[in-house]
Amino acid sequence: MMMNNLQKSAIANFFSDPKLKLVKLNEQEYMEGLIAYRSQHDEQDMMFEATLQAIEKHKFSQESYTILSIGCGSGLFEKPFLTKLLNLKKSIYFVGIDPNKLECVKTEEWCQELSEFQPEKFRFKIYPVELEKLKLSQSFDLILLIHSFCYFSEIESSFQKVYELLRAEGIAIIAIAVKTKLNEPYYSISQRLYQRPRFFSEDLYQFFSEQNIPFYQETIEFLVNITKCFQKDSQLAKNLLDFIVGANTKYFSTSQLQILLDYFTSNSQKLESGEIMIPNSVSLYYFQKKEEEEIKKGN
C-alpha cells in the first residue's frame, strides 16, 4: 500500500510539474504513433466484428448504404470495413472527414483503388475538415465515429450535428475509450496541452442518460503490448509512447521518462514470454434515429 501511494504521488507530480515540457504531435508523428499503437493489440479486430454484427442486426437487408466516417484518419478501420461490405455485394457511397490533411490523402488513395476495382459499387468523397465546419445537405444510413468523439470540444452540439446527418432509421456507431490506467497520462497531459479534457466513455454515457437518448453499449476489453516502450533508441518505442501519452516524449528528461515508465510497469503484467501487457477498454455505443422522431420533429 505504501509503495502504491508513492507511485501515485510520483505520477501526480509528473503531470503537474511545470518543468515537464509538453509539445504537441504533428500530423506525421500522430499518424506514425497511431499505426504503432494499433499494431500492439487486437482491439480493432473485436470492434470490426462488433460493428458488423450491429449492421447485420439493423441494416443487413439493405443493398446500398450511404456511410459517413467522422474522423476517418487514414482509414485503418474504414478500409477493411468497407471492403467487407463490398465483398457482401453491397453498394456504397462513402464520405470521410478528418481535419488531418495528411491522413485524408491516404484515405483518398485507397478509396480511389476501391473505386477503380468496383466502380459500379463504390463512390466516395473525402473532406479535410472538422465536423463543426462540415456542410452537407445529404443524410446517411450509417455514421461511424471511431475514436473521434473524444476530440470534440463539446458533446451536445457534436451529437446534435451527428443526429441531423442521420436519416430516419439510420445508425450511429461510436467507439470511445474507457478511462483506464493506460490513458490516465493522456487525459492529464491533454488537459495541459489543450486547456480542456478529452472525452471518455463515462462522459458519453452520462450525456446519453441525462438526455434520455436510447442507446446500446458494448464494452470491449483487451491487452496492449507495451514492451516496445522500454526499448531505448527504438523509433517504434518512441512512436508508441508518444501516442499513448499524446505528446512528443523527446522533450521529457531522463528522470521524467523513467517516472512514466515506472507508472506503466506498476499497472501492467509481465508474461512468461517477457512481454509487458497493460489492460485497456473501449466502449461501442449504437443509437438509431427512429422514423417517428423524424416525423415529430417535422411537425
C-alpha atoms as a PDB file:
ATOM      1  CA  MET A   1       0.000   0.000   0.000  1.00  0.00           C
ATOM      2  CA  MET A   2       2.867   2.383   0.871  1.00  0.00           C
ATOM      3  CA  MET A   3       4.554   1.699  -2.492  1.00  0.00           C
ATOM      4  CA  ASN A   4       1.269   2.221  -4.330  1.00  0.00           C
ATOM      5  CA  ASN A   5       0.796   5.609  -2.643  1.00  0.00           C
ATOM      6  CA  LEU A   6       4.358   6.603  -3.525  1.00  0.00           C
ATOM      7  CA  GLN A   7       3.772   5.670  -7.158  1.00  0.00           C
ATOM      8  CA  LYS A   8       0.548   7.686  -7.243  1.00  0.00           C
ATOM      9  CA  SER A   9       2.337  10.657  -5.717  1.00  0.00           C
ATOM     10  CA  ALA A  10       5.177  10.403  -8.231  1.00  0.00           C
ATOM     11  CA  ILE A  11       2.914  10.264 -11.281  1.00  0.00           C
ATOM     12  CA  ALA A  12       0.723  13.083  -9.904  1.00  0.00           C
ATOM     13  CA  ASN A  13       3.823  15.246  -9.511  1.00  0.00           C
ATOM     14  CA  PHE A  14       4.915  14.243 -13.009  1.00  0.00           C
ATOM     15  CA  PHE A  15       1.677  15.544 -14.546  1.00  0.00           C
ATOM     16  CA  SER A  16       1.705  18.828 -12.616  1.00  0.00           C
ATOM     17  CA  ASP A  17       5.452  19.540 -12.865  1.00  0.00           C
ATOM     18  CA  PRO A  18       5.853  22.913 -14.667  1.00  0.00           C
ATOM     19  CA  LYS A  19       9.260  21.676 -15.839  1.00  0.00           C
ATOM     20  CA  LEU A  20       7.535  18.984 -17.905  1.00  0.00           C
ATOM     21  CA  LYS A  21       7.809  20.349 -21.439  1.00  0.00           C
ATOM     22  CA  LEU A  22       4.760  19.377 -23.464  1.00  0.00           C
ATOM     23  CA  VAL A  23       4.926  19.569 -27.258  1.00  0.00           C
ATOM     24  CA  LYS A  24       2.021  18.541 -29.483  1.00  0.00           C
ATOM     25  CA  LEU A  25       2.499  15.823 -32.080  1.00  0.00           C
ATOM     26  CA  ASN A  26       2.436  16.998 -35.682  1.00  0.00           C
ATOM     27  CA  GLU A  27       0.296  15.199 -38.269  1.00  0.00           C
ATOM     28  CA  GLN A  28       3.075  12.808 -39.343  1.00  0.00           C
ATOM     29  CA  GLU A  29       4.042  11.953 -35.760  1.00  0.00           C
ATOM     30  CA  TYR A  30       0.429  11.339 -34.823  1.00  0.00           C
ATOM     31  CA  MET A  31      -0.135   9.016 -37.774  1.00  0.00           C
ATOM     32  CA  GLU A  32       3.063   7.040 -37.065  1.00  0.00           C
ATOM     33  CA  GLY A  33       2.085   6.787 -33.400  1.00  0.00           C
ATOM     34  CA  LEU A  34      -1.418   5.578 -34.227  1.00  0.00           C
ATOM     35  CA  ILE A  35      -0.049   2.857 -36.520  1.00  0.00           C
ATOM     36  CA  ALA A  36       2.440   1.785 -33.839  1.00  0.00           C
ATOM     37  CA  TYR A  37      -0.260   1.691 -31.154  1.00  0.00           C
ATOM     38  CA  ARG A  38      -2.750  -0.304 -33.212  1.00  0.00           C
ATOM     39  CA  SER A  39      -0.056  -2.878 -34.022  1.00  0.00           C
ATOM     40  CA  GLN A  40       0.241  -3.761 -30.331  1.00  0.00           C
ATOM     41  CA  HIS A  41      -3.292  -5.005 -29.603  1.00  0.00           C
ATOM     42  CA  ASP A  42      -6.303  -6.689 -31.222  1.00  0.00           C
ATOM     43  CA  GLU A  43      -8.918  -4.088 -30.282  1.00  0.00           C
ATOM     44  CA  GLN A  44      -9.629  -3.260 -33.908  1.00  0.00           C
ATOM     45  CA  ASP A  45     -10.496  -6.853 -34.837  1.00  0.00           C
ATOM     46  CA  MET A  46     -13.005  -7.019 -31.982  1.00  0.00           C
ATOM     47  CA  MET A  47     -14.514  -3.618 -32.876  1.00  0.00           C
ATOM     48  CA  PHE A  48     -14.715  -4.700 -36.504  1.00  0.00           C
ATOM     49  CA  GLU A  49     -16.729  -7.809 -35.635  1.00  0.00           C
ATOM     50  CA  ALA A  50     -18.998  -5.928 -33.206  1.00  0.00           C
ATOM     51  CA  THR A  51     -19.715  -3.236 -35.818  1.00  0.00           C
ATOM     52  CA  LEU A  52     -20.556  -5.820 -38.468  1.00  0.00           C
ATOM     53  CA  GLN A  53     -22.924  -7.524 -36.023  1.00  0.00           C
ATOM     54  CA  ALA A  54     -24.717  -4.209 -35.464  1.00  0.00           C
ATOM     55  CA  ILE A  55     -25.089  -3.777 -39.229  1.00  0.00           C
ATOM     56  CA  GLU A  56     -26.379  -7.334 -39.627  1.00  0.00           C
ATOM     57  CA  LYS A  57     -28.940  -6.789 -36.877  1.00  0.00           C
ATOM     58  CA  HIS A  58     -30.363  -3.489 -38.086  1.00  0.00           C
ATOM     59  CA  LYS A  59     -29.358  -2.854 -41.694  1.00  0.00           C
ATOM     60  CA  PHE A  60     -28.218  -6.051 -43.398  1.00  0.00           C
ATOM     61  CA  SER A  61     -31.238  -6.317 -45.725  1.00  0.00           C
ATOM     62  CA  GLN A  62     -30.242  -3.083 -47.447  1.00  0.00           C
ATOM     63  CA  GLU A  63     -28.488  -3.417 -50.783  1.00  0.00           C
ATOM     64  CA  SER A  64     -26.879   0.026 -50.706  1.00  0.00           C
ATOM     65  CA  TYR A  65     -25.518   2.273 -47.970  1.00  0.00           C
ATOM     66  CA  THR A  66     -24.586   5.899 -47.561  1.00  0.00           C
ATOM     67  CA  ILE A  67     -21.808   5.938 -44.970  1.00  0.00           C
ATOM     68  CA  LEU A  68     -20.151   8.879 -43.226  1.00  0.00           C
ATOM     69  CA  SER A  69     -16.982   8.415 -41.178  1.00  0.00           C
ATOM     70  CA  ILE A  70     -16.242  11.345 -38.873  1.00  0.00           C
ATOM     71  CA  GLY A  71     -12.540  11.354 -38.039  1.00  0.00           C
ATOM     72  CA  CYS A  72     -11.715   8.767 -40.702  1.00  0.00           C
ATOM     73  CA  GLY A  73      -7.973   9.379 -40.419  1.00  0.00           C
ATOM     74  CA  SER A  74      -6.023   7.197 -42.852  1.00  0.00           C
ATOM     75  CA  GLY A  75      -8.821   4.624 -42.786  1.00  0.00           C
ATOM     76  CA  LEU A  76      -7.245   1.929 -40.608  1.00  0.00           C
ATOM     77  CA  PHE A  77     -10.757   0.873 -39.574  1.00  0.00           C
ATOM     78  CA  GLU A  78     -12.762   2.077 -42.561  1.00  0.00           C
ATOM     79  CA  LYS A  79     -10.788   0.325 -45.322  1.00  0.00           C
ATOM     80  CA  PRO A  80     -11.361  -3.274 -44.088  1.00  0.00           C
ATOM     81  CA  PHE A  81     -14.912  -2.398 -43.036  1.00  0.00           C
ATOM     82  CA  LEU A  82     -15.918  -1.028 -46.450  1.00  0.00           C
ATOM     83  CA  THR A  83     -14.072  -3.840 -48.226  1.00  0.00           C
ATOM     84  CA  LYS A  84     -16.078  -6.366 -46.225  1.00  0.00           C
ATOM     85  CA  LEU A  85     -19.374  -4.714 -47.220  1.00  0.00           C
ATOM     86  CA  LEU A  86     -18.309  -4.652 -50.873  1.00  0.00           C
ATOM     87  CA  ASN A  87     -17.452  -8.355 -50.659  1.00  0.00           C
ATOM     88  CA  LEU A  88     -21.017  -8.877 -49.420  1.00  0.00           C
ATOM     89  CA  LYS A  89     -22.195  -7.316 -52.723  1.00  0.00           C
ATOM     90  CA  LYS A  90     -23.345  -4.048 -51.134  1.00  0.00           C
ATOM     91  CA  SER A  91     -23.237  -0.714 -52.956  1.00  0.00           C
ATOM     92  CA  ILE A  92     -21.630   2.130 -51.024  1.00  0.00           C
ATOM     93  CA  TYR A  93     -21.423   5.890 -51.177  1.00  0.00           C
ATOM     94  CA  PHE A  94     -18.747   6.795 -48.634  1.00  0.00           C
ATOM     95  CA  VAL A  95     -17.894  10.199 -47.194  1.00  0.00           C
ATOM     96  CA  GLY A  96     -14.869  10.576 -44.934  1.00  0.00           C
ATOM     97  CA  ILE A  97     -13.930  13.700 -42.996  1.00  0.00           C
ATOM     98  CA  ASP A  98     -10.889  14.441 -40.862  1.00  0.00           C
ATOM     99  CA  PRO A  99      -9.007  17.660 -40.017  1.00  0.00           C
ATOM    100  CA  ASN A 100      -5.686  15.849 -40.599  1.00  0.00           C
ATOM    101  CA  LYS A 101      -4.932  16.589 -44.276  1.00  0.00           C
ATOM    102  CA  LEU A 102      -2.081  14.096 -44.453  1.00  0.00           C
ATOM    103  CA  GLU A 103      -4.308  11.236 -43.335  1.00  0.00           C
ATOM    104  CA  CYS A 104      -7.054  12.324 -45.728  1.00  0.00           C
ATOM    105  CA  VAL A 105      -4.586  11.897 -48.607  1.00  0.00           C
ATOM    106  CA  LYS A 106      -4.004   8.295 -47.501  1.00  0.00           C
ATOM    107  CA  THR A 107      -7.760   7.654 -47.372  1.00  0.00           C
ATOM    108  CA  GLU A 108      -8.233   9.249 -50.782  1.00  0.00           C
ATOM    109  CA  GLU A 109      -5.640   6.837 -52.220  1.00  0.00           C
ATOM    110  CA  TRP A 110      -7.202   3.587 -51.038  1.00  0.00           C
ATOM    111  CA  CYS A 111     -10.712   4.857 -51.805  1.00  0.00           C
ATOM    112  CA  GLN A 112      -9.588   5.510 -55.367  1.00  0.00           C
ATOM    113  CA  GLU A 113      -8.297   1.940 -55.570  1.00  0.00           C
ATOM    114  CA  LEU A 114     -11.627   0.554 -54.354  1.00  0.00           C
ATOM    115  CA  SER A 115     -13.477   2.765 -56.810  1.00  0.00           C
ATOM    116  CA  GLU A 116     -11.365   1.570 -59.742  1.00  0.00           C
ATOM    117  CA  PHE A 117     -11.811  -2.052 -58.678  1.00  0.00           C
ATOM    118  CA  GLN A 118     -15.601  -1.783 -58.260  1.00  0.00           C
ATOM    119  CA  PRO A 119     -16.704   1.446 -59.996  1.00  0.00           C
ATOM    120  CA  GLU A 120     -20.362   0.394 -60.132  1.00  0.00           C
ATOM    121  CA  LYS A 121     -20.442  -0.397 -56.396  1.00  0.00           C
ATOM    122  CA  PHE A 122     -18.285   2.235 -54.701  1.00  0.00           C
ATOM    123  CA  ARG A 123     -18.278   6.038 -54.822  1.00  0.00           C
ATOM    124  CA  PHE A 124     -16.643   8.393 -52.349  1.00  0.00           C
ATOM    125  CA  LYS A 125     -15.804  11.923 -51.218  1.00  0.00           C
ATOM    126  CA  ILE A 126     -13.092  12.871 -48.697  1.00  0.00           C
ATOM    127  CA  TYR A 127     -13.102  16.242 -46.937  1.00  0.00           C
ATOM    128  CA  PRO A 128     -10.163  17.520 -44.814  1.00  0.00           C
ATOM    129  CA  VAL A 129     -12.437  19.380 -42.402  1.00  0.00           C
ATOM    130  CA  GLU A 130     -13.644  19.308 -38.804  1.00  0.00           C
ATOM    131  CA  LEU A 131     -17.189  18.162 -38.012  1.00  0.00           C
ATOM    132  CA  GLU A 132     -18.138  21.666 -36.825  1.00  0.00           C
ATOM    133  CA  LYS A 133     -17.269  23.109 -40.252  1.00  0.00           C
ATOM    134  CA  LEU A 134     -18.823  20.336 -42.322  1.00  0.00           C
ATOM    135  CA  LYS A 135     -21.643  21.470 -44.630  1.00  0.00           C
ATOM    136  CA  LEU A 136     -23.555  18.639 -46.280  1.00  0.00           C
ATOM    137  CA  SER A 137     -27.171  18.624 -47.440  1.00  0.00           C
ATOM    138  CA  GLN A 138     -27.450  14.829 -47.572  1.00  0.00           C
ATOM    139  CA  SER A 139     -28.102  12.372 -44.760  1.00  0.00           C
ATOM    140  CA  PHE A 140     -26.608   8.932 -44.073  1.00  0.00           C
ATOM    141  CA  ASP A 141     -27.675   5.372 -43.288  1.00  0.00           C
ATOM    142  CA  LEU A 142     -24.600   4.828 -41.146  1.00  0.00           C
ATOM    143  CA  ILE A 143     -22.280   7.226 -39.331  1.00  0.00           C
ATOM    144  CA  LEU A 144     -19.018   5.969 -37.868  1.00  0.00           C
ATOM    145  CA  LEU A 145     -17.181   7.799 -35.092  1.00  0.00           C
ATOM    146  CA  ILE A 146     -14.226   5.521 -34.395  1.00  0.00           C
ATOM    147  CA  HIS A 147     -12.163   7.122 -31.628  1.00  0.00           C
ATOM    148  CA  SER A 148     -13.063  10.610 -32.825  1.00  0.00           C
ATOM    149  CA  PHE A 149     -15.690  11.737 -30.304  1.00  0.00           C
ATOM    150  CA  CYS A 150     -13.008  12.268 -27.654  1.00  0.00           C
ATOM    151  CA  TYR A 151     -11.553  15.152 -29.701  1.00  0.00           C
ATOM    152  CA  PHE A 152     -14.728  17.211 -29.944  1.00  0.00           C
ATOM    153  CA  SER A 153     -14.860  20.439 -27.984  1.00  0.00           C
ATOM    154  CA  GLU A 154     -18.394  19.842 -26.715  1.00  0.00           C
ATOM    155  CA  ILE A 155     -20.587  16.729 -26.546  1.00  0.00           C
ATOM    156  CA  GLU A 156     -24.104  18.140 -27.007  1.00  0.00           C
ATOM    157  CA  SER A 157     -23.504  20.234 -30.118  1.00  0.00           C
ATOM    158  CA  SER A 158     -21.416  17.468 -31.719  1.00  0.00           C
ATOM    159  CA  PHE A 159     -24.109  14.896 -31.051  1.00  0.00           C
ATOM    160  CA  GLN A 160     -26.768  17.229 -32.487  1.00  0.00           C
ATOM    161  CA  LYS A 161     -24.732  17.591 -35.678  1.00  0.00           C
ATOM    162  CA  VAL A 162     -24.384  13.803 -35.955  1.00  0.00           C
ATOM    163  CA  TYR A 163     -28.119  13.373 -35.315  1.00  0.00           C
ATOM    164  CA  GLU A 164     -29.009  15.846 -38.057  1.00  0.00           C
ATOM    165  CA  LEU A 165     -26.796  13.966 -40.536  1.00  0.00           C
ATOM    166  CA  LEU A 166     -28.553  10.656 -39.815  1.00  0.00           C
ATOM    167  CA  ARG A 167     -31.523   9.757 -41.975  1.00  0.00           C
ATOM    168  CA  ALA A 168     -34.600   8.126 -40.419  1.00  0.00           C
ATOM    169  CA  GLU A 169     -33.722   4.625 -39.161  1.00  0.00           C
ATOM    170  CA  GLY A 170     -30.039   5.452 -39.619  1.00  0.00           C
ATOM    171  CA  ILE A 171     -27.476   4.187 -37.116  1.00  0.00           C
ATOM    172  CA  ALA A 172     -24.526   5.958 -35.497  1.00  0.00           C
ATOM    173  CA  ILE A 173     -21.718   3.813 -34.091  1.00  0.00           C
ATOM    174  CA  ILE A 174     -19.322   5.461 -31.653  1.00  0.00           C
ATOM    175  CA  ALA A 175     -16.117   3.854 -30.400  1.00  0.00           C
ATOM    176  CA  ILE A 176     -14.666   5.714 -27.428  1.00  0.00           C
ATOM    177  CA  ALA A 177     -12.053   4.793 -24.839  1.00  0.00           C
ATOM    178  CA  VAL A 178     -12.915   3.930 -21.267  1.00  0.00           C
ATOM    179  CA  LYS A 179     -10.797   5.845 -18.761  1.00  0.00           C
ATOM    180  CA  THR A 180      -8.165   3.344 -17.614  1.00  0.00           C
ATOM    181  CA  LYS A 181      -4.698   3.404 -16.044  1.00  0.00           C
ATOM    182  CA  LEU A 182      -3.182   3.280 -19.525  1.00  0.00           C
ATOM    183  CA  ASN A 183      -4.788   6.504 -20.725  1.00  0.00           C
ATOM    184  CA  GLU A 184      -4.584   8.438 -17.444  1.00  0.00           C
ATOM    185  CA  PRO A 185      -1.345  10.146 -18.633  1.00  0.00           C
ATOM    186  CA  TYR A 186      -3.021  11.071 -21.917  1.00  0.00           C
ATOM    187  CA  TYR A 187      -6.010  12.542 -20.069  1.00  0.00           C
ATOM    188  CA  SER A 188      -3.847  14.672 -17.774  1.00  0.00           C
ATOM    189  CA  ILE A 189      -1.376  15.778 -20.440  1.00  0.00           C
ATOM    190  CA  SER A 190      -4.195  16.742 -22.835  1.00  0.00           C
ATOM    191  CA  GLN A 191      -5.710  18.982 -20.175  1.00  0.00           C
ATOM    192  CA  ARG A 192      -2.456  20.932 -20.013  1.00  0.00           C
ATOM    193  CA  LEU A 193      -1.852  20.974 -23.759  1.00  0.00           C
ATOM    194  CA  TYR A 194      -5.366  21.953 -24.839  1.00  0.00           C
ATOM    195  CA  GLN A 195      -6.766  23.555 -21.642  1.00  0.00           C
ATOM    196  CA  ARG A 196      -9.728  21.180 -21.756  1.00  0.00           C
ATOM    197  CA  PRO A 197     -10.237  17.483 -21.045  1.00  0.00           C
ATOM    198  CA  ARG A 198     -10.639  14.784 -23.659  1.00  0.00           C
ATOM    199  CA  PHE A 199     -13.921  12.894 -23.521  1.00  0.00           C
ATOM    200  CA  PHE A 200     -14.137   9.265 -22.441  1.00  0.00           C
ATOM    201  CA  SER A 201     -16.882   6.654 -22.405  1.00  0.00           C
ATOM    202  CA  GLU A 202     -18.037   7.767 -18.974  1.00  0.00           C
ATOM    203  CA  ASP A 203     -18.771  11.285 -20.305  1.00  0.00           C
ATOM    204  CA  LEU A 204     -20.783   9.983 -23.246  1.00  0.00           C
ATOM    205  CA  TYR A 205     -22.748   7.583 -21.031  1.00  0.00           C
ATOM    206  CA  GLN A 206     -23.677  10.463 -18.718  1.00  0.00           C
ATOM    207  CA  PHE A 207     -24.797  12.583 -21.667  1.00  0.00           C
ATOM    208  CA  PHE A 208     -26.990   9.857 -23.155  1.00  0.00           C
ATOM    209  CA  SER A 209     -28.519   9.112 -19.748  1.00  0.00           C
ATOM    210  CA  GLU A 210     -29.234  12.741 -18.885  1.00  0.00           C
ATOM    211  CA  GLN A 211     -30.786  13.399 -22.317  1.00  0.00           C
ATOM    212  CA  ASN A 212     -32.864  10.182 -22.187  1.00  0.00           C
ATOM    213  CA  ILE A 213     -31.414   9.050 -25.510  1.00  0.00           C
ATOM    214  CA  PRO A 214     -31.955   5.307 -26.106  1.00  0.00           C
ATOM    215  CA  PHE A 215     -28.652   3.570 -26.808  1.00  0.00           C
ATOM    216  CA  TYR A 216     -26.931   0.221 -26.728  1.00  0.00           C
ATOM    217  CA  GLN A 217     -23.481  -0.063 -25.167  1.00  0.00           C
ATOM    218  CA  GLU A 218     -20.916  -2.820 -25.520  1.00  0.00           C
ATOM    219  CA  THR A 219     -17.561  -2.803 -23.712  1.00  0.00           C
ATOM    220  CA  ILE A 220     -14.536  -4.431 -25.329  1.00  0.00           C
ATOM    221  CA  GLU A 221     -11.617  -5.305 -23.056  1.00  0.00           C
ATOM    222  CA  PHE A 222      -8.163  -6.043 -24.425  1.00  0.00           C
ATOM    223  CA  LEU A 223      -4.465  -6.008 -23.536  1.00  0.00           C
ATOM    224  CA  VAL A 224      -1.962  -3.567 -25.042  1.00  0.00           C
ATOM    225  CA  ASN A 225       1.586  -4.824 -25.524  1.00  0.00           C
ATOM    226  CA  ILE A 226       3.793  -2.002 -24.222  1.00  0.00           C
ATOM    227  CA  THR A 227       7.053  -4.000 -24.260  1.00  0.00           C
ATOM    228  CA  LYS A 228       8.433  -1.790 -27.035  1.00  0.00           C
ATOM    229  CA  CYS A 229       8.070   1.300 -24.820  1.00  0.00           C
ATOM    230  CA  PHE A 230      11.005   0.072 -22.717  1.00  0.00           C
ATOM    231  CA  GLN A 231      13.408  -0.371 -25.634  1.00  0.00           C
ATOM    232  CA  LYS A 232      15.856   2.518 -25.729  1.00  0.00           C
ATOM    233  CA  ASP A 233      16.837   4.130 -29.024  1.00  0.00           C
ATOM    234  CA  SER A 234      13.929   2.499 -30.849  1.00  0.00           C
ATOM    235  CA  GLN A 235      11.817   4.653 -33.167  1.00  0.00           C
ATOM    236  CA  LEU A 236       8.873   2.292 -32.753  1.00  0.00           C
ATOM    237  CA  ALA A 237       9.196   2.625 -28.974  1.00  0.00           C
ATOM    238  CA  LYS A 238       9.088   6.414 -29.245  1.00  0.00           C
ATOM    239  CA  ASN A 239       6.144   6.387 -31.677  1.00  0.00           C
ATOM    240  CA  LEU A 240       4.214   4.093 -29.348  1.00  0.00           C
ATOM    241  CA  LEU A 241       4.932   6.083 -26.190  1.00  0.00           C
ATOM    242  CA  ASP A 242       4.243   9.413 -27.933  1.00  0.00           C
ATOM    243  CA  PHE A 243       0.808   8.234 -28.998  1.00  0.00           C
ATOM    244  CA  ILE A 244      -0.089   6.747 -25.602  1.00  0.00           C
ATOM    245  CA  VAL A 245       0.672   9.971 -23.732  1.00  0.00           C
ATOM    246  CA  GLY A 246      -0.385  12.345 -26.522  1.00  0.00           C
ATOM    247  CA  ALA A 247       2.823  14.408 -26.633  1.00  0.00           C
ATOM    248  CA  ASN A 248       6.355  14.304 -28.049  1.00  0.00           C
ATOM    249  CA  THR A 249       8.363  12.467 -25.380  1.00  0.00           C
ATOM    250  CA  LYS A 250      11.751  13.516 -26.758  1.00  0.00           C
ATOM    251  CA  TYR A 251      11.313  16.689 -24.696  1.00  0.00           C
ATOM    252  CA  PHE A 252      10.948  14.698 -21.451  1.00  0.00           C
ATOM    253  CA  SER A 253      14.019  14.453 -19.245  1.00  0.00           C
ATOM    254  CA  THR A 254      15.501  11.037 -18.449  1.00  0.00           C
ATOM    255  CA  SER A 255      14.035  11.131 -14.936  1.00  0.00           C
ATOM    256  CA  GLN A 256      10.597  12.233 -16.205  1.00  0.00           C
ATOM    257  CA  LEU A 257      10.583   9.427 -18.746  1.00  0.00           C
ATOM    258  CA  GLN A 258      11.530   6.927 -16.063  1.00  0.00           C
ATOM    259  CA  ILE A 259       8.660   8.034 -13.798  1.00  0.00           C
ATOM    260  CA  LEU A 260       6.271   7.491 -16.707  1.00  0.00           C
ATOM    261  CA  LEU A 261       7.662   4.022 -17.477  1.00  0.00           C
ATOM    262  CA  ASP A 262       7.560   3.076 -13.783  1.00  0.00           C
ATOM    263  CA  TYR A 263       3.896   4.064 -13.734  1.00  0.00           C
ATOM    264  CA  PHE A 264       3.125   1.804 -16.687  1.00  0.00           C
ATOM    265  CA  THR A 265       5.133  -1.043 -15.138  1.00  0.00           C
ATOM    266  CA  SER A 266       3.188  -0.813 -11.872  1.00  0.00           C
ATOM    267  CA  ASN A 267      -0.127  -1.117 -13.755  1.00  0.00           C
ATOM    268  CA  SER A 268       0.838  -3.899 -16.162  1.00  0.00           C
ATOM    269  CA  GLN A 269       1.590  -7.598 -16.083  1.00  0.00           C
ATOM    270  CA  LYS A 270       4.684  -9.375 -17.363  1.00  0.00           C
ATOM    271  CA  LEU A 271       4.033 -12.615 -19.204  1.00  0.00           C
ATOM    272  CA  GLU A 272       6.288 -15.667 -19.065  1.00  0.00           C
ATOM    273  CA  SER A 273       7.395 -14.755 -22.583  1.00  0.00           C
ATOM    274  CA  GLY A 274       8.706 -11.448 -21.178  1.00  0.00           C
ATOM    275  CA  GLU A 275       6.089  -9.281 -22.874  1.00  0.00           C
ATOM    276  CA  ILE A 276       4.633  -6.452 -20.800  1.00  0.00           C
ATOM    277  CA  MET A 277       0.860  -6.123 -21.154  1.00  0.00           C
ATOM    278  CA  ILE A 278      -1.440  -3.445 -19.766  1.00  0.00           C
ATOM    279  CA  PRO A 279      -5.256  -3.684 -19.781  1.00  0.00           C
ATOM    280  CA  ASN A 280      -7.412  -1.224 -21.672  1.00  0.00           C
ATOM    281  CA  SER A 281     -11.080  -0.949 -22.662  1.00  0.00           C
ATOM    282  CA  VAL A 282     -13.216   0.698 -25.312  1.00  0.00           C
ATOM    283  CA  SER A 283     -16.979   1.204 -25.415  1.00  0.00           C
ATOM    284  CA  LEU A 284     -19.061   0.859 -28.549  1.00  0.00           C
ATOM    285  CA  TYR A 285     -22.273   2.885 -28.493  1.00  0.00           C
ATOM    286  CA  TYR A 286     -25.037   2.400 -31.040  1.00  0.00           C
ATOM    287  CA  PHE A 287     -28.075   4.607 -31.424  1.00  0.00           C
ATOM    288  CA  GLN A 288     -30.714   4.685 -34.131  1.00  0.00           C
ATOM    289  CA  LYS A 289     -32.722   7.620 -35.385  1.00  0.00           C
ATOM    290  CA  LYS A 290     -36.316   6.470 -35.247  1.00  0.00           C
ATOM    291  CA  GLU A 291     -38.697   7.413 -38.048  1.00  0.00           C
ATOM    292  CA  GLU A 292     -41.400   8.617 -35.643  1.00  0.00           C
ATOM    293  CA  GLU A 293     -38.860  11.027 -34.090  1.00  0.00           C
ATOM    294  CA  GLU A 294     -38.188  12.460 -37.525  1.00  0.00           C
ATOM    295  CA  ILE A 295     -41.912  12.912 -38.152  1.00  0.00           C
ATOM    296  CA  LYS A 296     -42.447  14.504 -34.759  1.00  0.00           C
ATOM    297  CA  LYS A 297     -39.587  16.907 -35.391  1.00  0.00           C
ATOM    298  CA  GLY A 298     -41.097  17.821 -38.770  1.00  0.00           C
ATOM    299  CA  ASN A 299     -44.398  18.648 -37.150  1.00  0.00           C
END
